[in-house]
């Protein structure tokens, strides 16, 4: 009986907000992106919304007549682009100061590209053990993934004596990158699951190609560049085993930002469905046999939140009729962060993918170019409140700094931040009427204030929660920082 009485009392205390049931999260001074509920304990009258990317150059290409399947990085005041040559015989390198106008700098040497060539370039592990600044995944002979390294981005040295480091991959991005969170190299490639005896052989229509993706790890590629452990390989199947007729993963690469893994997904929509016409039409915007650019998020680079894929909300939408990107948007292998913006480069085409499933095969003539969209810093996903006041309460965490910064768009609304103790009880002087309400603000780094306190210095070392009260506002991220 005493045990039952204790359980009832515990439940009542939880409902009253006076009992700490949430495990303390360690955030330190790491920015917390609100792309998921990793740091969220409770939210009321708020909904998650995808950020809005704005196409640069009025929606026109920044690099006409260009085939991408490449990468843009930013370093030492320059944007550095690796792109497939127009004649499909190799890769070229170009630089830009403004991210819009690129100057050719040369062609890549040292890589024995094969097939429908591809290259994804990343910064190599930031140590002095290799001497190579760049690492790249590419299409090696046999349609498998190869790895090469470079000091200058132009001259490359393949690992594994130029031989493939995996079994069959695909003719789109093969991305290798160093993961500083897990302290291992990761390799992402496509895996085909078609009817030729693959994992989906019993459910796939005869001769129908089914595309999936796989992630692998290798802590030391210099010891053995081919020793990869498969973490997971998968396909879209939330809607059942024949979802491949609706959507497939054409390619997925990963960008690591502020403790979050962002999957950059090229999704093949209604693959091989060419019922909208068998002849080339560069004017009409098609809805089938097209490719779109979505983001997914993860905390372990294994299990992915595919919310935006199934909501049909690409991060960079395809263009309207007559646009260069009306039918295909294929992302760069990574995202550039510079000047308080994210730069999302992509390959655009004005016709559909085409298919070999029909006999004879159907392929479309298309113009190809490189486009760019940008997004304000960290505004990929928000928690939004409308006319009704919404609240967001974090899990408890130990306060490591004196100041708080909030990425918020409340230009037509308001925001106030309360500080609570670990059990959710308001801390005197930091909540309710003591919390100043910010109205009409749109700030990447808003510093909340309290009537009696300019910062959080009196609470350093204590375990606290934050409660955001907002109306007609979007919160994207928050960060505890040191006082300036």
Protein backbone atom coordinates (compact mmCIF):
# COMPACT_ATOMS: atom_id res chain seq x y z
CA UNK A 1 0.00 0.00 0.00
CA UNK A 2 2.83 2.42 0.81
CA UNK A 3 4.33 1.75 -2.62
CA UNK A 4 1.04 2.56 -4.35
CA UNK A 5 0.67 5.72 -2.26
CA UNK A 6 4.20 6.75 -3.29
CA UNK A 7 3.46 6.20 -6.98
CA UNK A 8 0.27 8.25 -6.78
CA UNK A 9 2.12 11.08 -5.03
CA UNK A 10 4.85 10.96 -7.68
CA UNK A 11 2.28 11.22 -10.47
CA UNK A 12 0.56 14.17 -8.81
CA UNK A 13 3.85 15.98 -8.39
CA UNK A 14 4.69 15.39 -12.04
CA UNK A 15 1.34 16.78 -13.15
CA UNK A 16 1.89 19.79 -10.94
CA UNK A 17 5.26 20.45 -12.54
CA UNK A 18 7.02 20.05 -9.21
CA UNK A 19 8.96 16.83 -9.87
CA UNK A 20 11.91 16.42 -12.17
CA UNK A 21 11.21 13.50 -14.52
CA UNK A 22 13.33 14.64 -17.46
CA UNK A 23 16.95 13.62 -17.58
CA UNK A 24 19.41 16.47 -17.56
CA UNK A 25 20.90 17.16 -20.98
CA UNK A 26 24.44 18.33 -21.45
CA UNK A 27 24.50 21.35 -23.72
CA UNK A 28 27.37 23.46 -22.41
CA UNK A 29 27.76 26.31 -24.88
CA UNK A 30 26.70 24.27 -27.91
CA UNK A 31 24.01 25.96 -29.95
CA UNK A 32 20.73 24.07 -29.77
CA UNK A 33 18.91 23.81 -33.09
CA UNK A 34 15.19 23.15 -32.66
CA UNK A 35 14.97 20.78 -35.61
CA UNK A 36 13.74 18.05 -33.24
CA UNK A 37 12.83 17.55 -29.58
CA UNK A 38 16.35 16.65 -28.45
CA UNK A 39 16.36 19.47 -25.89
CA UNK A 40 12.57 19.98 -25.68
CA UNK A 41 10.59 18.65 -22.70
CA UNK A 42 7.21 20.13 -23.52
CA UNK A 43 5.57 22.38 -26.08
CA UNK A 44 2.06 23.75 -26.29
CA UNK A 45 0.35 25.51 -29.21
CA UNK A 46 3.49 25.50 -31.34
CA UNK A 47 4.23 23.59 -34.53
CA UNK A 48 7.42 22.78 -36.37
CA UNK A 49 7.89 24.59 -39.68
CA UNK A 50 10.45 24.29 -42.45
CA UNK A 51 12.56 27.37 -43.15
CA UNK A 52 12.26 29.26 -46.41
CA UNK A 53 15.29 29.31 -48.71
CA UNK A 54 15.56 32.19 -51.18
CA UNK A 55 16.94 31.55 -54.64
CA UNK A 56 19.80 33.84 -55.57
CA UNK A 57 20.23 35.69 -58.86
CA UNK A 58 16.48 36.05 -59.30
CA UNK A 59 16.13 32.29 -59.65
CA UNK A 60 18.44 32.19 -62.66
CA UNK A 61 21.56 29.98 -62.82
CA UNK A 62 24.78 31.32 -61.37
CA UNK A 63 26.81 28.90 -63.49
CA UNK A 64 25.11 28.31 -66.86
CA UNK A 65 25.76 25.19 -68.89
CA UNK A 66 27.25 23.46 -65.88
CA UNK A 67 26.87 19.90 -64.67
CA UNK A 68 27.34 19.69 -60.94
CA UNK A 69 27.41 16.45 -58.94
CA UNK A 70 29.99 18.38 -56.97
CA UNK A 71 30.78 20.53 -53.99
CA UNK A 72 31.28 24.11 -52.84
CA UNK A 73 33.35 24.90 -49.72
CA UNK A 74 34.37 28.26 -48.25
CA UNK A 75 37.92 28.93 -47.14
CA UNK A 76 40.19 31.95 -46.69
CA UNK A 77 37.65 34.39 -48.08
CA UNK A 78 36.85 32.31 -51.17
CA UNK A 79 34.12 29.98 -52.35
CA UNK A 80 35.73 26.89 -53.86
CA UNK A 81 33.74 24.83 -56.36
CA UNK A 82 34.40 21.37 -57.76
CA UNK A 83 32.10 20.62 -60.70
CA UNK A 84 31.80 18.05 -63.44
CA UNK A 85 33.06 19.22 -66.82
CA UNK A 86 30.38 19.79 -69.44
CA UNK A 87 31.78 17.03 -71.64
CA UNK A 88 31.65 14.55 -68.73
CA UNK A 89 35.35 13.69 -69.01
CA UNK A 90 36.49 14.84 -65.59
CA UNK A 91 36.22 17.57 -62.98
CA UNK A 92 37.17 21.22 -62.87
CA UNK A 93 37.83 23.63 -60.01
CA UNK A 94 36.72 27.29 -59.77
CA UNK A 95 36.82 30.06 -57.17
CA UNK A 96 34.64 33.04 -56.27
CA UNK A 97 34.78 35.92 -53.81
CA UNK A 98 31.03 36.58 -53.76
CA UNK A 99 29.66 33.06 -54.21
CA UNK A 100 27.95 34.03 -57.46
CA UNK A 101 30.66 34.66 -60.04
CA UNK A 102 33.19 31.84 -60.37
CA UNK A 103 36.53 31.95 -62.14
CA UNK A 104 37.95 28.69 -63.55
CA UNK A 105 41.24 27.67 -61.94
CA UNK A 106 42.04 24.36 -63.56
CA UNK A 107 41.16 20.72 -64.05
CA UNK A 108 41.64 17.96 -61.51
CA UNK A 109 44.38 15.41 -61.97
CA UNK A 110 45.19 12.09 -60.33
CA UNK A 111 41.72 10.52 -60.14
CA UNK A 112 40.76 7.69 -62.47
CA UNK A 113 37.07 8.52 -62.78
CA UNK A 114 34.74 5.86 -64.16
CA UNK A 115 31.19 5.64 -65.44
CA UNK A 116 28.87 8.61 -64.98
CA UNK A 117 31.49 10.42 -62.95
CA UNK A 118 30.92 12.07 -59.59
CA UNK A 119 32.97 13.74 -56.86
CA UNK A 120 32.08 14.93 -53.35
CA UNK A 121 34.78 16.99 -51.62
CA UNK A 122 35.08 17.57 -47.87
CA UNK A 123 37.58 18.95 -45.41
CA UNK A 124 39.80 16.15 -44.23
CA UNK A 125 40.34 15.29 -40.57
CA UNK A 126 41.90 18.42 -39.03
CA UNK A 127 45.12 16.81 -37.82
CA UNK A 128 48.65 16.77 -39.08
CA UNK A 129 48.82 13.01 -39.55
CA UNK A 130 48.03 13.04 -43.26
CA UNK A 131 48.99 16.45 -44.63
CA UNK A 132 45.98 16.44 -46.96
CA UNK A 133 43.42 19.23 -46.51
CA UNK A 134 40.75 17.75 -48.77
CA UNK A 135 39.20 14.32 -49.05
CA UNK A 136 36.90 13.21 -51.83
CA UNK A 137 34.62 10.32 -52.65
CA UNK A 138 34.24 9.45 -56.31
CA UNK A 139 32.97 6.87 -58.79
CA UNK A 140 35.77 4.33 -59.13
CA UNK A 141 35.98 1.61 -61.82
CA UNK A 142 33.28 -1.00 -61.42
CA UNK A 143 30.68 1.58 -60.34
CA UNK A 144 31.95 1.50 -56.76
CA UNK A 145 33.19 4.16 -54.36
CA UNK A 146 36.76 5.39 -54.42
CA UNK A 147 38.57 7.78 -52.06
CA UNK A 148 41.21 10.37 -52.90
CA UNK A 149 43.00 13.09 -50.94
CA UNK A 150 44.53 16.42 -51.94
CA UNK A 151 46.51 19.32 -50.52
CA UNK A 152 45.38 21.97 -53.01
CA UNK A 153 42.07 20.64 -54.42
CA UNK A 154 43.54 20.23 -57.90
CA UNK A 155 46.09 17.44 -57.61
CA UNK A 156 44.66 14.28 -56.06
CA UNK A 157 46.07 11.03 -54.72
CA UNK A 158 43.74 8.00 -54.65
CA UNK A 159 43.85 5.71 -51.61
CA UNK A 160 43.77 1.91 -51.84
CA UNK A 161 45.99 2.11 -54.96
CA UNK A 162 43.08 3.63 -56.88
CA UNK A 163 40.92 0.54 -56.40
CA UNK A 164 37.34 0.71 -55.12
CA UNK A 165 36.90 0.75 -51.34
CA UNK A 166 33.37 -0.71 -51.39
CA UNK A 167 31.31 -3.12 -53.43
CA UNK A 168 28.94 -1.64 -56.00
CA UNK A 169 27.81 1.88 -55.16
CA UNK A 170 26.24 4.09 -57.81
CA UNK A 171 26.75 6.78 -60.40
CA UNK A 172 25.81 9.64 -58.06
CA UNK A 173 27.46 11.07 -54.94
CA UNK A 174 29.84 8.87 -52.97
CA UNK A 175 30.67 11.04 -49.97
CA UNK A 176 33.43 10.44 -47.45
CA UNK A 177 33.86 12.81 -44.51
CA UNK A 178 35.37 12.99 -41.05
CA UNK A 179 32.77 12.97 -38.27
CA UNK A 180 34.15 14.92 -35.29
CA UNK A 181 31.17 13.90 -33.13
CA UNK A 182 31.72 10.14 -33.43
CA UNK A 183 35.43 10.45 -34.23
CA UNK A 184 35.28 8.27 -37.31
CA UNK A 185 35.20 8.61 -41.06
CA UNK A 186 31.81 8.08 -42.66
CA UNK A 187 31.03 7.01 -46.20
CA UNK A 188 27.60 7.48 -47.78
CA UNK A 189 26.76 5.88 -51.11
CA UNK A 190 23.71 4.74 -52.99
CA UNK A 191 22.73 1.09 -52.86
CA UNK A 192 20.51 -0.41 -55.53
CA UNK A 193 17.77 -2.74 -54.26
CA UNK A 194 16.33 -3.78 -57.62
CA UNK A 195 14.72 -7.01 -58.72
CA UNK A 196 17.97 -8.77 -59.56
CA UNK A 197 18.09 -10.77 -56.33
CA UNK A 198 18.35 -7.75 -54.00
CA UNK A 199 16.67 -7.38 -50.59
CA UNK A 200 13.40 -6.29 -52.21
CA UNK A 201 13.43 -8.88 -54.98
CA UNK A 202 10.05 -10.36 -54.03
CA UNK A 203 8.24 -7.03 -54.04
CA UNK A 204 9.84 -5.19 -56.95
CA UNK A 205 8.31 -5.18 -60.41
CA UNK A 206 10.41 -7.02 -62.97
CA UNK A 207 13.39 -5.01 -64.25
CA UNK A 208 12.42 -2.00 -62.11
CA UNK A 209 15.39 -0.19 -60.55
CA UNK A 210 14.99 0.58 -56.85
CA UNK A 211 17.44 2.99 -55.25
CA UNK A 212 18.38 3.20 -51.60
CA UNK A 213 21.28 4.50 -49.55
CA UNK A 214 23.82 3.18 -47.09
CA UNK A 215 26.04 4.63 -44.40
CA UNK A 216 29.39 3.15 -43.34
CA UNK A 217 32.12 3.90 -40.80
CA UNK A 218 35.89 3.48 -40.73
CA UNK A 219 37.93 5.10 -37.93
CA UNK A 220 41.23 4.98 -39.85
CA UNK A 221 41.14 5.07 -43.64
CA UNK A 222 44.93 5.36 -43.80
CA UNK A 223 45.36 2.02 -42.08
CA UNK A 224 42.83 0.34 -44.38
CA UNK A 225 40.83 2.45 -46.83
CA UNK A 226 38.55 -0.49 -47.69
CA UNK A 227 37.65 -1.58 -44.16
CA UNK A 228 34.14 -0.14 -43.92
CA UNK A 229 31.46 -1.24 -41.48
CA UNK A 230 27.92 -0.90 -42.82
CA UNK A 231 25.83 0.96 -40.24
CA UNK A 232 22.61 0.80 -42.20
CA UNK A 233 21.27 0.57 -45.73
CA UNK A 234 17.67 1.49 -46.39
CA UNK A 235 14.96 2.65 -48.76
CA UNK A 236 11.81 4.71 -48.36
CA UNK A 237 9.20 2.26 -47.09
CA UNK A 238 6.98 4.08 -44.60
CA UNK A 239 4.09 3.72 -47.02
CA UNK A 240 4.75 0.05 -47.68
CA UNK A 241 7.09 -2.22 -49.66
CA UNK A 242 6.04 -0.74 -53.02
CA UNK A 243 6.71 2.85 -52.04
CA UNK A 244 9.54 2.78 -54.58
CA UNK A 245 6.86 3.54 -57.20
CA UNK A 246 6.19 6.87 -55.43
CA UNK A 247 9.67 7.93 -54.27
CA UNK A 248 13.24 6.70 -54.13
CA UNK A 249 16.49 8.00 -52.66
CA UNK A 250 18.58 8.98 -55.63
CA UNK A 251 21.43 10.22 -53.46
CA UNK A 252 22.05 11.23 -49.86
CA UNK A 253 25.02 13.10 -48.47
CA UNK A 254 25.48 14.42 -44.95
CA UNK A 255 26.36 17.82 -43.54
CA UNK A 256 27.24 18.07 -39.83
CA UNK A 257 26.25 21.34 -38.17
CA UNK A 258 25.90 22.33 -34.50
CA UNK A 259 25.68 18.74 -33.29
CA UNK A 260 23.06 17.73 -35.86
CA UNK A 261 23.47 15.49 -38.90
CA UNK A 262 21.62 16.95 -41.88
CA UNK A 263 20.84 14.51 -44.65
CA UNK A 264 20.79 16.23 -48.06
CA UNK A 265 18.40 14.03 -50.00
CA UNK A 266 17.90 13.98 -53.72
CA UNK A 267 14.50 12.28 -53.97
CA UNK A 268 13.34 10.73 -57.22
CA UNK A 269 9.58 11.38 -57.34
CA UNK A 270 7.27 9.02 -59.27
CA UNK A 271 10.28 7.35 -60.90
CA UNK A 272 9.97 6.10 -64.46
CA UNK A 273 6.44 7.52 -64.67
CA UNK A 274 6.50 9.43 -67.95
CA UNK A 275 2.77 9.63 -68.54
CA UNK A 276 3.02 13.44 -68.74
CA UNK A 277 4.59 13.04 -72.16
CA UNK A 278 7.18 10.99 -73.99
CA UNK A 279 8.73 13.93 -75.82
CA UNK A 280 10.99 16.65 -74.48
CA UNK A 281 9.16 19.70 -73.13
CA UNK A 282 11.42 22.38 -71.63
CA UNK A 283 8.52 24.73 -70.91
CA UNK A 284 6.02 22.67 -68.90
CA UNK A 285 6.74 21.99 -65.24
CA UNK A 286 6.35 18.26 -64.72
CA UNK A 287 5.32 16.51 -61.51
CA UNK A 288 6.37 12.93 -62.31
CA UNK A 289 9.77 11.43 -63.03
CA UNK A 290 11.29 14.50 -61.34
CA UNK A 291 13.88 15.02 -58.60
CA UNK A 292 13.59 17.25 -55.52
CA UNK A 293 15.94 18.39 -52.74
CA UNK A 294 14.81 17.62 -49.17
CA UNK A 295 16.55 17.69 -45.81
CA UNK A 296 16.38 15.05 -43.08
CA UNK A 297 17.87 15.30 -39.58
CA UNK A 298 19.48 12.84 -37.22
CA UNK A 299 21.40 12.68 -33.95
CA UNK A 300 23.38 9.54 -34.84
CA UNK A 301 23.71 9.55 -38.67
CA UNK A 302 21.71 6.32 -38.68
CA UNK A 303 18.04 6.96 -37.88
CA UNK A 304 16.65 9.86 -39.90
CA UNK A 305 13.66 12.14 -39.39
CA UNK A 306 12.02 12.20 -42.82
CA UNK A 307 9.22 14.61 -41.87
CA UNK A 308 9.80 17.02 -44.73
CA UNK A 309 10.00 14.29 -47.36
CA UNK A 310 6.59 12.91 -46.41
CA UNK A 311 5.17 16.42 -46.00
CA UNK A 312 6.22 17.14 -49.60
CA UNK A 313 8.23 20.20 -48.56
CA UNK A 314 11.64 20.45 -50.27
CA UNK A 315 14.15 22.86 -48.77
CA UNK A 316 14.83 24.25 -52.27
CA UNK A 317 11.67 23.92 -54.39
CA UNK A 318 11.82 23.24 -58.10
CA UNK A 319 11.24 26.28 -60.29
CA UNK A 320 8.11 27.30 -62.23
CA UNK A 321 7.37 26.78 -65.91
CA UNK A 322 10.32 27.59 -68.20
CA UNK A 323 12.75 27.73 -65.25
CA UNK A 324 16.13 26.05 -65.58
CA UNK A 325 15.36 23.97 -62.47
CA UNK A 326 11.68 23.18 -63.05
CA UNK A 327 12.08 19.38 -63.13
CA UNK A 328 15.31 18.49 -61.31
CA UNK A 329 16.99 19.97 -58.25
CA UNK A 330 20.00 17.93 -57.12
CA UNK A 331 21.95 19.27 -54.11
CA UNK A 332 25.63 19.91 -53.68
CA UNK A 333 27.27 17.35 -51.42
CA UNK A 334 27.39 19.84 -48.54
CA UNK A 335 26.25 23.28 -47.38
CA UNK A 336 28.39 26.40 -47.01
CA UNK A 337 28.00 28.57 -43.91
CA UNK A 338 29.32 32.10 -44.41
CA UNK A 339 28.35 35.67 -43.56
CA UNK A 340 25.43 34.58 -41.31
CA UNK A 341 23.89 32.60 -44.15
CA UNK A 342 23.76 29.07 -45.44
CA UNK A 343 24.56 28.72 -49.13
CA UNK A 344 22.74 25.81 -50.77
CA UNK A 345 24.25 25.14 -54.19
CA UNK A 346 22.43 22.75 -56.48
CA UNK A 347 22.23 21.27 -59.97
CA UNK A 348 19.11 22.21 -61.92
CA UNK A 349 17.60 20.71 -65.07
CA UNK A 350 14.60 21.72 -67.17
CA UNK A 351 13.48 18.21 -68.05
CA UNK A 352 12.76 14.92 -66.34
CA UNK A 353 15.11 12.10 -65.45
CA UNK A 354 13.95 9.61 -68.10
CA UNK A 355 13.76 5.85 -67.84
CA UNK A 356 15.19 2.61 -69.15
CA UNK A 357 12.25 0.65 -67.71
CA UNK A 358 10.27 1.20 -70.90
CA UNK A 359 11.29 -0.57 -74.06
CA UNK A 360 12.52 1.31 -75.98
CA UNK A 361 13.99 3.51 -73.26
CA UNK A 362 12.75 7.10 -72.88
CA UNK A 363 15.32 9.84 -72.32
CA UNK A 364 14.78 13.60 -72.46
CA UNK A 365 16.99 16.36 -73.78
CA UNK A 366 17.70 18.82 -71.00
CA UNK A 367 19.71 21.93 -70.23
CA UNK A 368 21.75 21.74 -67.04
CA UNK A 369 23.11 24.53 -64.85
CA UNK A 370 24.15 25.33 -61.28
CA UNK A 371 21.88 27.36 -59.03
CA UNK A 372 22.06 28.79 -55.53
CA UNK A 373 19.62 29.37 -52.70
CA UNK A 374 20.39 30.91 -49.31
CA UNK A 375 18.92 30.67 -45.85
CA UNK A 376 19.54 32.90 -42.82
CA UNK A 377 21.87 31.36 -40.24
CA UNK A 378 20.37 28.25 -38.56
CA UNK A 379 16.87 28.90 -39.90
CA UNK A 380 16.28 25.44 -41.29
CA UNK A 381 13.43 24.51 -38.97
CA UNK A 382 11.47 26.55 -36.41
CA UNK A 383 8.93 26.10 -33.69
CA UNK A 384 6.11 28.47 -34.62
CA UNK A 385 3.35 30.01 -32.55
CA UNK A 386 0.40 31.84 -34.10
CA UNK A 387 -2.19 34.18 -32.62
CA UNK A 388 -2.56 31.95 -29.58
CA UNK A 389 0.39 32.17 -27.21
CA UNK A 390 2.59 29.10 -27.48
CA UNK A 391 5.08 27.80 -24.95
CA UNK A 392 8.23 25.75 -25.21
CA UNK A 393 9.92 24.28 -22.13
CA UNK A 394 13.39 22.77 -22.36
CA UNK A 395 14.75 19.78 -20.55
CA UNK A 396 16.89 20.62 -17.51
CA UNK A 397 20.53 21.51 -18.12
CA UNK A 398 23.42 22.86 -16.08
CA UNK A 399 24.00 26.51 -16.92
CA UNK A 400 27.54 27.01 -18.25
CA UNK A 401 27.54 30.66 -19.30
CA UNK A 402 26.29 34.07 -18.32
CA UNK A 403 24.38 35.03 -21.45
CA UNK A 404 21.59 33.63 -23.61
CA UNK A 405 21.09 34.16 -27.33
CA UNK A 406 17.92 33.26 -29.23
CA UNK A 407 17.48 33.00 -32.99
CA UNK A 408 13.95 34.33 -33.39
CA UNK A 409 11.69 35.92 -35.98
CA UNK A 410 8.98 37.82 -34.13
CA UNK A 411 8.80 40.88 -36.32
CA UNK A 412 5.01 40.60 -36.20
CA UNK A 413 4.85 39.13 -32.73
CA UNK A 414 6.52 38.81 -29.35
CA UNK A 415 8.76 36.63 -27.21
CA UNK A 416 9.56 36.34 -23.52
CA UNK A 417 11.92 33.87 -21.82
CA UNK A 418 11.43 32.54 -18.28
CA UNK A 419 14.11 30.69 -16.35
CA UNK A 420 12.84 27.78 -14.27
CA UNK A 421 14.52 25.42 -11.85
CA UNK A 422 15.08 21.74 -12.62
CA UNK A 423 11.55 20.85 -11.53
CA UNK A 424 9.94 23.54 -13.65
CA UNK A 425 9.31 26.01 -10.83
CA UNK A 426 9.85 29.69 -11.80
CA UNK A 427 13.02 31.24 -10.42
CA UNK A 428 12.31 34.53 -8.67
CA UNK A 429 13.49 37.48 -10.74
CA UNK A 430 13.73 35.50 -13.96
CA UNK A 431 10.15 34.70 -14.88
CA UNK A 432 6.62 35.99 -15.20
CA UNK A 433 6.40 39.77 -15.06
CA UNK A 434 10.15 39.94 -14.47
CA UNK A 435 10.79 38.61 -18.00
CA UNK A 436 10.93 41.41 -20.50
CA UNK A 437 8.82 40.85 -23.63
CA UNK A 438 10.60 41.48 -26.92
CA UNK A 439 8.19 42.74 -29.57
CA UNK A 440 8.71 43.24 -33.30
CA UNK A 441 12.14 41.60 -33.32
CA UNK A 442 13.87 39.59 -36.02
CA UNK A 443 17.28 38.67 -34.66
CA UNK A 444 19.74 35.83 -35.15
CA UNK A 445 21.16 36.49 -31.67
CA UNK A 446 18.54 38.14 -29.51
CA UNK A 447 19.67 38.62 -25.89
CA UNK A 448 16.64 38.26 -23.58
CA UNK A 449 16.52 40.50 -20.52
CA UNK A 450 14.84 40.42 -17.13
CA UNK A 451 13.83 43.49 -15.15
CA UNK A 452 16.27 42.83 -12.34
CA UNK A 453 18.95 40.97 -14.31
CA UNK A 454 20.82 41.77 -17.51
CA UNK A 455 22.16 38.23 -17.82
CA UNK A 456 22.27 34.81 -16.16
CA UNK A 457 25.51 35.21 -14.22
CA UNK A 458 23.77 34.70 -10.86
CA UNK A 459 22.64 31.24 -11.97
CA UNK A 460 25.88 29.80 -13.39
CA UNK A 461 26.40 26.21 -12.30
CA UNK A 462 22.73 25.68 -11.41
CA UNK A 463 20.44 23.24 -13.22
CA UNK A 464 17.72 25.18 -14.99
CA UNK A 465 15.10 25.00 -17.71
CA UNK A 466 14.04 27.69 -20.15
CA UNK A 467 10.44 28.48 -20.94
CA UNK A 468 9.82 30.43 -24.13
CA UNK A 469 6.49 32.24 -24.33
CA UNK A 470 5.73 33.46 -27.84
CA UNK A 471 3.01 34.75 -30.09
CA UNK A 472 3.19 35.09 -33.89
CA UNK A 473 6.83 34.09 -33.68
CA UNK A 474 9.32 31.48 -34.86
CA UNK A 475 12.18 30.22 -32.69
CA UNK A 476 14.98 28.42 -34.53
CA UNK A 477 17.74 27.98 -31.96
CA UNK A 478 19.14 29.15 -28.66
CA UNK A 479 22.62 29.16 -27.14
CA UNK A 480 24.13 29.77 -23.74
CA UNK A 481 27.29 31.83 -24.18
CA UNK A 482 29.96 33.64 -22.25
CA UNK A 483 29.32 37.30 -21.59
CA UNK A 484 30.82 39.57 -24.24
